[in-house]
C-alpha atoms as a PDB file:
ATOM      1  CA  MET A   1      12.794  13.778   5.880  1.00  0.00           C
ATOM      2  CA  ASN A   2      15.604  16.126   6.517  1.00  0.00           C
ATOM      3  CA  ARG A   3      18.818  15.159   5.652  1.00  0.00           C
ATOM      4  CA  LEU A   4      21.196  18.268   7.331  1.00  0.00           C
ATOM      5  CA  PRO A   5      24.249  19.027   5.091  1.00  0.00           C
ATOM      6  CA  LEU A   6      27.287  17.291   7.281  1.00  0.00           C
ATOM      7  CA  ILE A   7      30.447  19.313   7.897  1.00  0.00           C
ATOM      8  CA  LEU A   8      33.153  16.574   6.858  1.00  0.00           C
ATOM      9  CA  ALA A   9      36.294  15.599   8.850  1.00  0.00           C
ATOM     10  CA  ALA A  10      38.779  16.609   7.499  1.00  0.00           C
ATOM     11  CA  GLY A  11      43.163  14.562   6.719  1.00  0.00           C
ATOM     12  CA  ALA A  12      43.099  11.037   6.475  1.00  0.00           C
ATOM     13  CA  LEU A  13      39.465  10.298   7.243  1.00  0.00           C
ATOM     14  CA  LEU A  14      38.707  11.533   3.698  1.00  0.00           C
ATOM     15  CA  ALA A  15      39.678   8.662   1.639  1.00  0.00           C
ATOM     16  CA  GLY A  16      38.126   7.051  -1.796  1.00  0.00           C
ATOM     17  CA  CYS A  17      36.336   4.274  -1.956  1.00  0.00           C
ATOM     18  CA  ALA A  18      38.705   0.945  -1.564  1.00  0.00           C
ATOM     19  CA  THR A  19      39.197  -1.469  -4.516  1.00  0.00           C
ATOM     20  CA  ALA A  20      39.475  -4.464  -2.481  1.00  0.00           C
ATOM     21  CA  PRO A  21      38.670  -4.536   1.414  1.00  0.00           C
ATOM     22  CA  THR A  22      40.921  -6.244   3.589  1.00  0.00           C
ATOM     23  CA  PRO A  23      40.109  -9.052   5.824  1.00  0.00           C
ATOM     24  CA  LEU A  24      38.277  -8.837   8.854  1.00  0.00           C
ATOM     25  CA  THR A  25      39.752  -8.583  11.872  1.00  0.00           C
ATOM     26  CA  ASP A  26      39.651 -10.748  14.434  1.00  0.00           C
ATOM     27  CA  PHE A  27      37.089  -8.712  16.533  1.00  0.00           C
ATOM     28  CA  THR A  28      35.200  -8.036  13.824  1.00  0.00           C
ATOM     29  CA  ALA A  29      34.686 -11.447  12.612  1.00  0.00           C
ATOM     30  CA  ASN A  30      33.661 -12.639  15.835  1.00  0.00           C
ATOM     31  CA  SER A  31      29.617 -11.350  16.990  1.00  0.00           C
ATOM     32  CA  GLY A  32      28.899 -11.053  20.617  1.00  0.00           C
ATOM     33  CA  SER A  33      32.476  -9.878  21.962  1.00  0.00           C
ATOM     34  CA  PRO A  34      31.675  -8.154  25.562  1.00  0.00           C
ATOM     35  CA  ARG A  35      30.396  -4.693  25.329  1.00  0.00           C
ATOM     36  CA  SER A  36      32.822  -1.808  26.329  1.00  0.00           C
ATOM     37  CA  ALA A  37      31.753   0.041  29.803  1.00  0.00           C
ATOM     38  CA  GLU A  38      30.456   2.614  27.910  1.00  0.00           C
ATOM     39  CA  GLN A  39      28.254   0.438  25.743  1.00  0.00           C
ATOM     40  CA  LEU A  40      27.009  -0.474  29.658  1.00  0.00           C
ATOM     41  CA  ALA A  41      26.264   2.719  30.799  1.00  0.00           C
ATOM     42  CA  MET A  42      23.960   3.858  27.989  1.00  0.00           C
ATOM     43  CA  ARG A  43      20.124   2.747  26.230  1.00  0.00           C
ATOM     44  CA  PHE A  44      20.458   3.023  22.648  1.00  0.00           C
ATOM     45  CA  GLU A  45      16.973   4.753  21.672  1.00  0.00           C
ATOM     46  CA  HIS A  46      17.232   5.173  17.738  1.00  0.00           C
ATOM     47  CA  VAL A  47      18.716   4.454  14.624  1.00  0.00           C
ATOM     48  CA  ASP A  48      17.966   6.515  11.778  1.00  0.00           C
ATOM     49  CA  LEU A  49      20.320   4.718   8.671  1.00  0.00           C
ATOM     50  CA  ALA A  50      20.226   5.956   5.273  1.00  0.00           C
ATOM     51  CA  LEU A  51      21.984   3.634   3.288  1.00  0.00           C
ATOM     52  CA  ARG A  52      22.864   3.521  -0.690  1.00  0.00           C
ATOM     53  CA  VAL A  53      23.414   0.158  -2.150  1.00  0.00           C
ATOM     54  CA  ASP A  54      25.459   0.470  -5.488  1.00  0.00           C
ATOM     55  CA  PRO A  55      25.439  -2.805  -7.963  1.00  0.00           C
ATOM     56  CA  ALA A  56      27.679  -1.137 -10.308  1.00  0.00           C
ATOM     57  CA  SER A  57      30.562  -0.621  -7.753  1.00  0.00           C
ATOM     58  CA  ARG A  58      29.777  -3.300  -4.676  1.00  0.00           C
ATOM     59  CA  SER A  59      29.819  -0.771  -2.650  1.00  0.00           C
ATOM     60  CA  ILE A  60      27.655   1.223   0.258  1.00  0.00           C
ATOM     61  CA  GLN A  61      27.472   4.809   0.719  1.00  0.00           C
ATOM     62  CA  GLY A  62      25.546   5.309   5.023  1.00  0.00           C
ATOM     63  CA  ASP A  63      24.489   8.149   6.768  1.00  0.00           C
ATOM     64  CA  ALA A  64      23.922   6.688  10.632  1.00  0.00           C
ATOM     65  CA  THR A  65      22.190   8.945  13.408  1.00  0.00           C
ATOM     66  CA  LEU A  66      22.126   7.163  16.731  1.00  0.00           C
ATOM     67  CA  THR A  67      20.667   8.531  19.248  1.00  0.00           C
ATOM     68  CA  PHE A  68      21.879   7.361  23.377  1.00  0.00           C
ATOM     69  CA  THR A  69      20.524   8.124  26.754  1.00  0.00           C
ATOM     70  CA  ALA A  70      23.654   7.850  29.659  1.00  0.00           C
ATOM     71  CA  SER A  71      23.278   6.097  32.509  1.00  0.00           C
ATOM     72  CA  ALA A  72      26.655   7.025  33.519  1.00  0.00           C
ATOM     73  CA  ALA A  73      28.983   9.464  32.849  1.00  0.00           C
ATOM     74  CA  LEU A  74      30.480   9.536  29.285  1.00  0.00           C
ATOM     75  CA  SER A  75      33.233  11.209  27.827  1.00  0.00           C
ATOM     76  CA  ARG A  76      33.092   8.501  24.556  1.00  0.00           C
ATOM     77  CA  ILE A  77      30.310   6.849  22.458  1.00  0.00           C
ATOM     78  CA  VAL A  78      31.632   3.285  21.922  1.00  0.00           C
ATOM     79  CA  LEU A  79      30.256   1.167  18.396  1.00  0.00           C
ATOM     80  CA  GLU A  80      31.281  -1.316  16.000  1.00  0.00           C
ATOM     81  CA  LEU A  81      31.787  -1.259  12.405  1.00  0.00           C
ATOM     82  CA  ASP A  82      34.235  -3.059  10.385  1.00  0.00           C
ATOM     83  CA  ARG A  83      37.286  -0.696   9.195  1.00  0.00           C
ATOM     84  CA  ASN A  84      37.122  -1.893   5.432  1.00  0.00           C
ATOM     85  CA  LEU A  85      33.981   1.130   6.021  1.00  0.00           C
ATOM     86  CA  THR A  86      35.517   4.575   5.755  1.00  0.00           C
ATOM     87  CA  ILE A  87      34.667   7.094   8.068  1.00  0.00           C
ATOM     88  CA  ASP A  88      34.298  10.515   5.991  1.00  0.00           C
ATOM     89  CA  ALA A  89      32.527  12.665   8.898  1.00  0.00           C
ATOM     90  CA  ALA A  90      31.437  12.276  12.276  1.00  0.00           C
ATOM     91  CA  GLN A  91      29.424  14.435  14.273  1.00  0.00           C
ATOM     92  CA  ALA A  92      28.056  14.659  18.110  1.00  0.00           C
ATOM     93  CA  ASP A  93      25.174  16.699  18.378  1.00  0.00           C
ATOM     94  CA  GLY A  94      26.174  18.641  15.783  1.00  0.00           C
ATOM     95  CA  VAL A  95      29.779  19.760  16.407  1.00  0.00           C
ATOM     96  CA  ALA A  96      32.018  17.959  14.198  1.00  0.00           C
ATOM     97  CA  LEU A  97      34.248  16.084  15.565  1.00  0.00           C
ATOM     98  CA  PRO A  98      38.012  15.959  14.516  1.00  0.00           C
ATOM     99  CA  PRO A  99      39.724  12.618  13.064  1.00  0.00           C
ATOM    100  CA  SER A 100      41.652  12.717  16.606  1.00  0.00           C
ATOM    101  CA  ALA A 101      38.326  11.956  18.386  1.00  0.00           C
ATOM    102  CA  ILE A 102      37.144   8.694  16.189  1.00  0.00           C
ATOM    103  CA  SER A 103      39.524   5.795  16.276  1.00  0.00           C
ATOM    104  CA  ASN A 104      38.654   2.170  14.902  1.00  0.00           C
ATOM    105  CA  PRO A 105      41.767   0.430  14.586  1.00  0.00           C
ATOM    106  CA  GLU A 106      39.944  -3.241  15.177  1.00  0.00           C
ATOM    107  CA  GLY A 107      36.678  -2.605  14.531  1.00  0.00           C
ATOM    108  CA  ARG A 108      35.699  -1.316  17.426  1.00  0.00           C
ATOM    109  CA  LEU A 109      34.941   2.277  16.543  1.00  0.00           C
ATOM    110  CA  THR A 110      35.242   4.892  19.698  1.00  0.00           C
ATOM    111  CA  LEU A 111      34.481   8.738  19.116  1.00  0.00           C
ATOM    112  CA  THR A 112      35.276  10.921  22.120  1.00  0.00           C
ATOM    113  CA  LEU A 113      32.825  13.450  23.002  1.00  0.00           C
ATOM    114  CA  PRO A 114      33.256  17.195  22.558  1.00  0.00           C
ATOM    115  CA  ALA A 115      32.266  17.014  26.377  1.00  0.00           C
ATOM    116  CA  PRO A 116      31.128  14.874  28.629  1.00  0.00           C
ATOM    117  CA  LEU A 117      27.611  13.509  29.335  1.00  0.00           C
ATOM    118  CA  ALA A 118      26.337  13.726  32.087  1.00  0.00           C
ATOM    119  CA  ALA A 119      24.276  11.099  33.081  1.00  0.00           C
ATOM    120  CA  GLY A 120      20.401  11.007  32.431  1.00  0.00           C
ATOM    121  CA  ALA A 121      21.404  13.254  29.519  1.00  0.00           C
ATOM    122  CA  ARG A 122      21.445  12.643  25.841  1.00  0.00           C
ATOM    123  CA  THR A 123      23.187  12.274  22.955  1.00  0.00           C
ATOM    124  CA  THR A 124      22.882  12.281  18.968  1.00  0.00           C
ATOM    125  CA  VAL A 125      25.958  10.850  16.937  1.00  0.00           C
ATOM    126  CA  ARG A 126      25.823  11.017  12.748  1.00  0.00           C
ATOM    127  CA  LEU A 127      28.519   8.946  10.898  1.00  0.00           C
ATOM    128  CA  ARG A 128      28.697   9.491   7.169  1.00  0.00           C
ATOM    129  CA  TYR A 129      30.533   6.500   5.823  1.00  0.00           C
ATOM    130  CA  HIS A 130      31.321   4.629   2.577  1.00  0.00           C
ATOM    131  CA  GLY A 131      33.712   1.550   1.389  1.00  0.00           C
ATOM    132  CA  VAL A 132      33.186  -2.205  -0.137  1.00  0.00           C
ATOM    133  CA  PRO A 133      31.327  -4.249   2.441  1.00  0.00           C
ATOM    134  CA  HIS A 134      32.704  -7.827   3.246  1.00  0.00           C
ATOM    135  CA  VAL A 135      31.535 -10.598   0.674  1.00  0.00           C
ATOM    136  CA  ALA A 136      30.296 -13.830   1.863  1.00  0.00           C
ATOM    137  CA  LYS A 137      32.187 -16.523   0.647  1.00  0.00           C
ATOM    138  CA  ARG A 138      29.534 -19.257   1.703  1.00  0.00           C
ATOM    139  CA  ALA A 139      26.340 -17.819   2.611  1.00  0.00           C
ATOM    140  CA  PRO A 140      24.568 -18.137   5.205  1.00  0.00           C
ATOM    141  CA  TRP A 141      27.030 -20.382   6.728  1.00  0.00           C
ATOM    142  CA  ASP A 142      29.216 -16.844   6.657  1.00  0.00           C
ATOM    143  CA  GLY A 143      28.626 -13.144   6.868  1.00  0.00           C
ATOM    144  CA  GLY A 144      28.275 -10.328   4.369  1.00  0.00           C
ATOM    145  CA  PHE A 145      27.269  -9.229   1.093  1.00  0.00           C
ATOM    146  CA  MET A 146      25.800 -11.476  -1.794  1.00  0.00           C
ATOM    147  CA  TRP A 147      26.372  -9.395  -5.319  1.00  0.00           C
ATOM    148  CA  SER A 148      24.381 -11.567  -7.288  1.00  0.00           C
ATOM    149  CA  LYS A 149      22.129 -11.745 -11.064  1.00  0.00           C
ATOM    150  CA  THR A 150      18.765 -12.998 -11.368  1.00  0.00           C
ATOM    151  CA  ALA A 151      18.451 -15.211 -14.677  1.00  0.00           C
ATOM    152  CA  ASP A 152      17.983 -12.475 -17.090  1.00  0.00           C
ATOM    153  CA  GLY A 153      20.964 -10.719 -15.036  1.00  0.00           C
ATOM    154  CA  GLN A 154      19.577  -7.878 -13.188  1.00  0.00           C
ATOM    155  CA  PRO A 155      21.028  -6.942  -9.764  1.00  0.00           C
ATOM    156  CA  TRP A 156      19.854  -9.684  -6.518  1.00  0.00           C
ATOM    157  CA  ILE A 157      21.696  -8.534  -3.400  1.00  0.00           C
ATOM    158  CA  SER A 158      21.298 -10.013   0.323  1.00  0.00           C
ATOM    159  CA  THR A 159      23.411  -9.388   3.509  1.00  0.00           C
ATOM    160  CA  THR A 160      23.564 -12.592   5.914  1.00  0.00           C
ATOM    161  CA  VAL A 161      24.953 -11.157   9.586  1.00  0.00           C
ATOM    162  CA  GLU A 162      24.275 -13.457  12.122  1.00  0.00           C
ATOM    163  CA  GLY A 163      27.255 -14.693  12.865  1.00  0.00           C
ATOM    164  CA  GLU A 164      29.635 -11.568  11.726  1.00  0.00           C
ATOM    165  CA  GLY A 165      26.732  -9.481  13.096  1.00  0.00           C
ATOM    166  CA  CYS A 166      25.559  -6.157  12.029  1.00  0.00           C
ATOM    167  CA  ASP A 167      29.045  -4.363  12.336  1.00  0.00           C
ATOM    168  CA  LEU A 168      29.571  -5.506   8.655  1.00  0.00           C
ATOM    169  CA  PHE A 169      27.682  -2.797   7.231  1.00  0.00           C
ATOM    170  CA  TRP A 170      26.323  -0.334   9.572  1.00  0.00           C
ATOM    171  CA  PRO A 171      27.743   1.517  13.683  1.00  0.00           C
ATOM    172  CA  CYS A 172      26.254  -0.729  15.771  1.00  0.00           C
ATOM    173  CA  ILE A 173      26.467  -2.678  18.789  1.00  0.00           C
ATOM    174  CA  ASP A 174      27.564  -5.898  18.176  1.00  0.00           C
ATOM    175  CA  HIS A 175      25.884  -7.665  21.016  1.00  0.00           C
ATOM    176  CA  PRO A 176      22.423  -9.756  21.477  1.00  0.00           C
ATOM    177  CA  GLN A 177      21.779  -6.962  24.140  1.00  0.00           C
ATOM    178  CA  GLY A 178      22.853  -4.017  22.263  1.00  0.00           C
ATOM    179  CA  LYS A 179      19.460  -3.713  20.083  1.00  0.00           C
ATOM    180  CA  PRO A 180      17.934  -0.284  19.503  1.00  0.00           C
ATOM    181  CA  GLU A 181      14.532   0.849  20.523  1.00  0.00           C
ATOM    182  CA  ARG A 182      13.685   1.825  17.190  1.00  0.00           C
ATOM    183  CA  ILE A 183      15.305   1.745  13.296  1.00  0.00           C
ATOM    184  CA  ASP A 184      14.185   3.803  10.440  1.00  0.00           C
ATOM    185  CA  LEU A 185      16.038   2.773   7.286  1.00  0.00           C
ATOM    186  CA  HIS A 186      16.015   4.359   4.045  1.00  0.00           C
ATOM    187  CA  ILE A 187      17.368   2.057   1.597  1.00  0.00           C
ATOM    188  CA  SER A 188      18.423   3.666  -1.590  1.00  0.00           C
ATOM    189  CA  VAL A 189      19.408   1.200  -4.844  1.00  0.00           C
ATOM    190  CA  PRO A 190      18.722   2.004  -8.800  1.00  0.00           C
ATOM    191  CA  ALA A 191      15.242   1.463 -10.354  1.00  0.00           C
ATOM    192  CA  PRO A 192      13.544  -0.607 -10.823  1.00  0.00           C
ATOM    193  CA  LEU A 193      14.539  -2.750  -8.051  1.00  0.00           C
ATOM    194  CA  VAL A 194      12.974  -3.594  -4.978  1.00  0.00           C
ATOM    195  CA  VAL A 195      14.212  -3.412  -1.153  1.00  0.00           C
ATOM    196  CA  ALA A 196      12.131  -5.609   0.844  1.00  0.00           C
ATOM    197  CA  GLY A 197      12.831  -4.203   4.363  1.00  0.00           C
ATOM    198  CA  ASN A 198      12.435  -4.824   8.367  1.00  0.00           C
ATOM    199  CA  GLY A 199       9.342  -3.991  10.102  1.00  0.00           C
ATOM    200  CA  VAL A 200       6.953  -1.620   8.777  1.00  0.00           C
ATOM    201  CA  ALA A 201       6.971  -0.450   5.105  1.00  0.00           C
ATOM    202  CA  MET A 202       6.503   3.729   5.433  1.00  0.00           C
ATOM    203  CA  GLY A 203       6.828   4.346   1.655  1.00  0.00           C
ATOM    204  CA  MET A 204       9.131   4.742  -0.951  1.00  0.00           C
ATOM    205  CA  ASP A 205      10.246   7.878  -3.194  1.00  0.00           C
ATOM    206  CA  GLU A 206      12.308   7.651  -6.447  1.00  0.00           C
ATOM    207  CA  ALA A 207      14.274  10.619  -8.255  1.00  0.00           C
ATOM    208  CA  ASP A 208      17.124  10.223 -10.452  1.00  0.00           C
ATOM    209  CA  GLY A 209      17.168   7.155 -11.709  1.00  0.00           C
ATOM    210  CA  TRP A 210      17.377   5.989  -7.552  1.00  0.00           C
ATOM    211  CA  ARG A 211      14.195   5.046  -5.467  1.00  0.00           C
ATOM    212  CA  THR A 212      14.546   5.458  -2.239  1.00  0.00           C
ATOM    213  CA  TYR A 213      12.745   2.507   0.142  1.00  0.00           C
ATOM    214  CA  HIS A 214      11.621   3.591   3.732  1.00  0.00           C
ATOM    215  CA  TRP A 215      11.192   1.118   6.652  1.00  0.00           C
ATOM    216  CA  ARG A 216      10.565   1.212  10.220  1.00  0.00           C
ATOM    217  CA  ALA A 217      10.948  -1.333  13.694  1.00  0.00           C
ATOM    218  CA  ARG A 218      11.128  -1.550  17.310  1.00  0.00           C
ATOM    219  CA  HIS A 219      13.225  -3.682  18.981  1.00  0.00           C
ATOM    220  CA  PRO A 220      15.068  -5.304  15.945  1.00  0.00           C
ATOM    221  CA  SER A 221      17.383  -8.307  16.713  1.00  0.00           C
ATOM    222  CA  THR A 222      20.797  -6.723  15.106  1.00  0.00           C
ATOM    223  CA  TYR A 223      21.536  -9.584  13.211  1.00  0.00           C
ATOM    224  CA  GLY A 224      17.733  -9.191  11.838  1.00  0.00           C
ATOM    225  CA  VAL A 225      18.430  -5.757  10.238  1.00  0.00           C
ATOM    226  CA  ALA A 226      19.419  -7.035   6.406  1.00  0.00           C
ATOM    227  CA  LEU A 227      19.046  -5.902   2.864  1.00  0.00           C
ATOM    228  CA  ASN A 228      17.072  -8.032   0.328  1.00  0.00           C
ATOM    229  CA  ILE A 229      17.292  -5.978  -2.816  1.00  0.00           C
ATOM    230  CA  GLY A 230      15.905  -7.329  -6.426  1.00  0.00           C
ATOM    231  CA  PRO A 231      13.638  -6.690  -9.336  1.00  0.00           C
ATOM    232  CA  TYR A 232      11.048  -8.491  -7.053  1.00  0.00           C
ATOM    233  CA  GLU A 233       6.864  -8.892  -7.427  1.00  0.00           C
ATOM    234  CA  MET A 234       4.889  -8.808  -4.256  1.00  0.00           C
ATOM    235  CA  LEU A 235       1.931 -11.293  -2.837  1.00  0.00           C
ATOM    236  CA  SER A 236       0.060  -9.756  -0.567  1.00  0.00           C
ATOM    237  CA  GLY A 237      -3.092 -10.493   1.940  1.00  0.00           C
ATOM    238  CA  GLU A 238      -4.559 -10.193   5.497  1.00  0.00           C
ATOM    239  CA  TYR A 239      -4.640 -12.431   8.848  1.00  0.00           C
ATOM    240  CA  ALA A 240      -7.527 -12.421  11.351  1.00  0.00           C
ATOM    241  CA  SER A 241      -5.646 -12.112  14.696  1.00  0.00           C
ATOM    242  CA  ARG A 242      -7.113 -13.824  17.841  1.00  0.00           C
ATOM    243  CA  TYR A 243      -7.650 -10.215  18.753  1.00  0.00           C
ATOM    244  CA  GLY A 244      -9.660  -9.170  16.160  1.00  0.00           C
ATOM    245  CA  ASN A 245      -7.000  -6.577  13.866  1.00  0.00           C
ATOM    246  CA  ARG A 246      -6.084  -7.526  10.894  1.00  0.00           C
ATOM    247  CA  ILE A 247      -2.539  -8.117  10.045  1.00  0.00           C
ATOM    248  CA  PRO A 248      -0.673  -7.447   6.792  1.00  0.00           C
ATOM    249  CA  LEU A 249       1.005 -10.315   5.369  1.00  0.00           C
ATOM    250  CA  ARG A 250       3.364  -9.884   2.103  1.00  0.00           C
ATOM    251  CA  MET A 251       5.867 -11.620   0.190  1.00  0.00           C
ATOM    252  CA  TRP A 252       8.467 -10.857  -2.385  1.00  0.00           C
ATOM    253  CA  TYR A 253       9.645 -13.301  -5.176  1.00  0.00           C
ATOM    254  CA  LEU A 254      11.599 -13.023  -8.664  1.00  0.00           C
ATOM    255  CA  LYS A 255       9.551 -12.952 -11.839  1.00  0.00           C
ATOM    256  CA  GLY A 256       8.651 -16.493 -13.363  1.00  0.00           C
ATOM    257  CA  HIS A 257       8.450 -17.836  -9.978  1.00  0.00           C
ATOM    258  CA  GLU A 258       4.877 -16.725  -9.002  1.00  0.00           C
ATOM    259  CA  GLU A 259       2.821 -19.679  -8.860  1.00  0.00           C
ATOM    260  CA  LYS A 260       5.499 -21.448  -6.233  1.00  0.00           C
ATOM    261  CA  ALA A 261       5.558 -18.180  -4.294  1.00  0.00           C
ATOM    262  CA  LYS A 262       1.601 -18.513  -4.208  1.00  0.00           C
ATOM    263  CA  GLY A 263       2.065 -22.271  -2.553  1.00  0.00           C
ATOM    264  CA  LEU A 264       4.574 -21.192   0.225  1.00  0.00           C
ATOM    265  CA  PHE A 265       2.368 -18.532   0.452  1.00  0.00           C
ATOM    266  CA  ALA A 266      -0.925 -20.092   0.928  1.00  0.00           C
ATOM    267  CA  GLU A 267       1.222 -21.497   3.930  1.00  0.00           C
ATOM    268  CA  PHE A 268       1.184 -18.471   6.012  1.00  0.00           C
ATOM    269  CA  ALA A 269      -2.239 -18.709   7.408  1.00  0.00           C
ATOM    270  CA  PRO A 270      -2.122 -21.941   8.538  1.00  0.00           C
ATOM    271  CA  MET A 271       1.404 -21.652  10.530  1.00  0.00           C
ATOM    272  CA  LEU A 272       0.143 -18.493  12.066  1.00  0.00           C
ATOM    273  CA  ASP A 273      -2.949 -20.498  13.414  1.00  0.00           C
ATOM    274  CA  PHE A 274      -0.506 -22.900  14.726  1.00  0.00           C
ATOM    275  CA  LEU A 275       1.737 -20.659  16.545  1.00  0.00           C
ATOM    276  CA  LYS A 276      -1.228 -18.704  18.082  1.00  0.00           C
ATOM    277  CA  ALA A 277      -2.845 -21.968  19.520  1.00  0.00           C
ATOM    278  CA  PRO A 278      -2.736 -22.675  23.282  1.00  0.00           C
ATOM    279  CA  SER A 279       1.077 -23.196  24.499  1.00  0.00           C
ATOM    280  CA  ALA A 280       0.239 -27.285  25.762  1.00  0.00           C
ATOM    281  CA  ARG A 281      -0.578 -27.910  21.869  1.00  0.00           C
ATOM    282  CA  ILE A 282       2.789 -26.534  20.886  1.00  0.00           C
ATOM    283  CA  ARG A 283       4.999 -28.546  23.704  1.00  0.00           C
ATOM    284  CA  SER A 284       2.827 -31.463  22.713  1.00  0.00           C
ATOM    285  CA  ALA A 285       4.266 -30.724  18.928  1.00  0.00           C
ATOM    286  CA  THR A 286       7.581 -29.957  19.956  1.00  0.00           C
ATOM    287  CA  ARG A 287       8.241 -32.996  21.726  1.00  0.00           C
ATOM    288  CA  LYS A 288       6.817 -35.452  19.167  1.00  0.00           C
ATOM    289  CA  TRP A 289       9.417 -33.627  16.551  1.00  0.00           C
ATOM    290  CA  ALA A 290      11.745 -34.031  19.282  1.00  0.00           C
ATOM    291  CA  TRP A 291      15.517 -35.556  18.456  1.00  0.00           C
END
C-alpha cells in the first residue's frame, strides 16, 4: 500500500504525546449523539486506517484516510474524535489544511474544506494523529483501551468501545447509522505480537521489529471495529455452509490455554448449524428461554 508523505500542518496542531489524557468530554463519553447536518448529507464510502500501537508508552499513532460522497453541497466534513488524540496534520483531496480549518473543542471534529463540495462529488480526507488513548477503568462495562500483561509478562491489549464509541481511537461517525461501506485496517505492533482483527485477514508484513496486520471488513458496525493484540496462537478449520461454500473458522488464544480453546472451538460448527436452522425453530427456542 502506498502511504504518501503528508505535508504537516503547522502551529498549535504539532504537539508532543501527552503524558496523561484529560477526562473525556460529555460529548465523547456519550455515543450516538444526533448526526450533524453535514454527516446526514454524505455517504461514508471507505476508511483506510493505519494504527501503530506502542505498549511501551501506551500510546497510538494513527493515519486515517476517509472517503465520502456528498448528497448535498458541503463546505465542511464533520467527524468524531476524542480531543486527547492530537491532530498532527490534515488534508482534503491532497491539499493540506491550515490549523484554522481544523476544530475539535469537544470531540466533534470539523474540517473546513479548501473549496465547497457539490452534491454528487466525492472527497477524501486524510488525518494523522497521535496520543494516549482513554483507558477503560472497568472493562467491558466502560469503554477504552486495556493495557494488560499475560502470565509470562507479554503485552496483552484490547479495546471496548460499544458504550463510548469508535471516536476513542479513530476518526469516525459515532452513530449506529455511521457505518462505512468498507474499512481496511493496518495495525502495527511490536513483533512477535499478533493482531486478531475484523473481517477478512489480508496478510501480515514484518520489518524493523514491527509487524503490520492487514484486515478488511464491509459495512462494519463502528463499535465492532476493535483491537485484540497479544502473543496469540491460532486454531483453524472450515465450515460447510448450507449454500455449498466453505467458510474459514479461526480462533486466537493465549499459550497455555490450548485445551480449553479446543473445547470452545468445537462448539463453533454446531452453533452455526443452529443459526442456519429454519426461523421457526429459532423462534421456538427463543420463546422457550425467554424470561
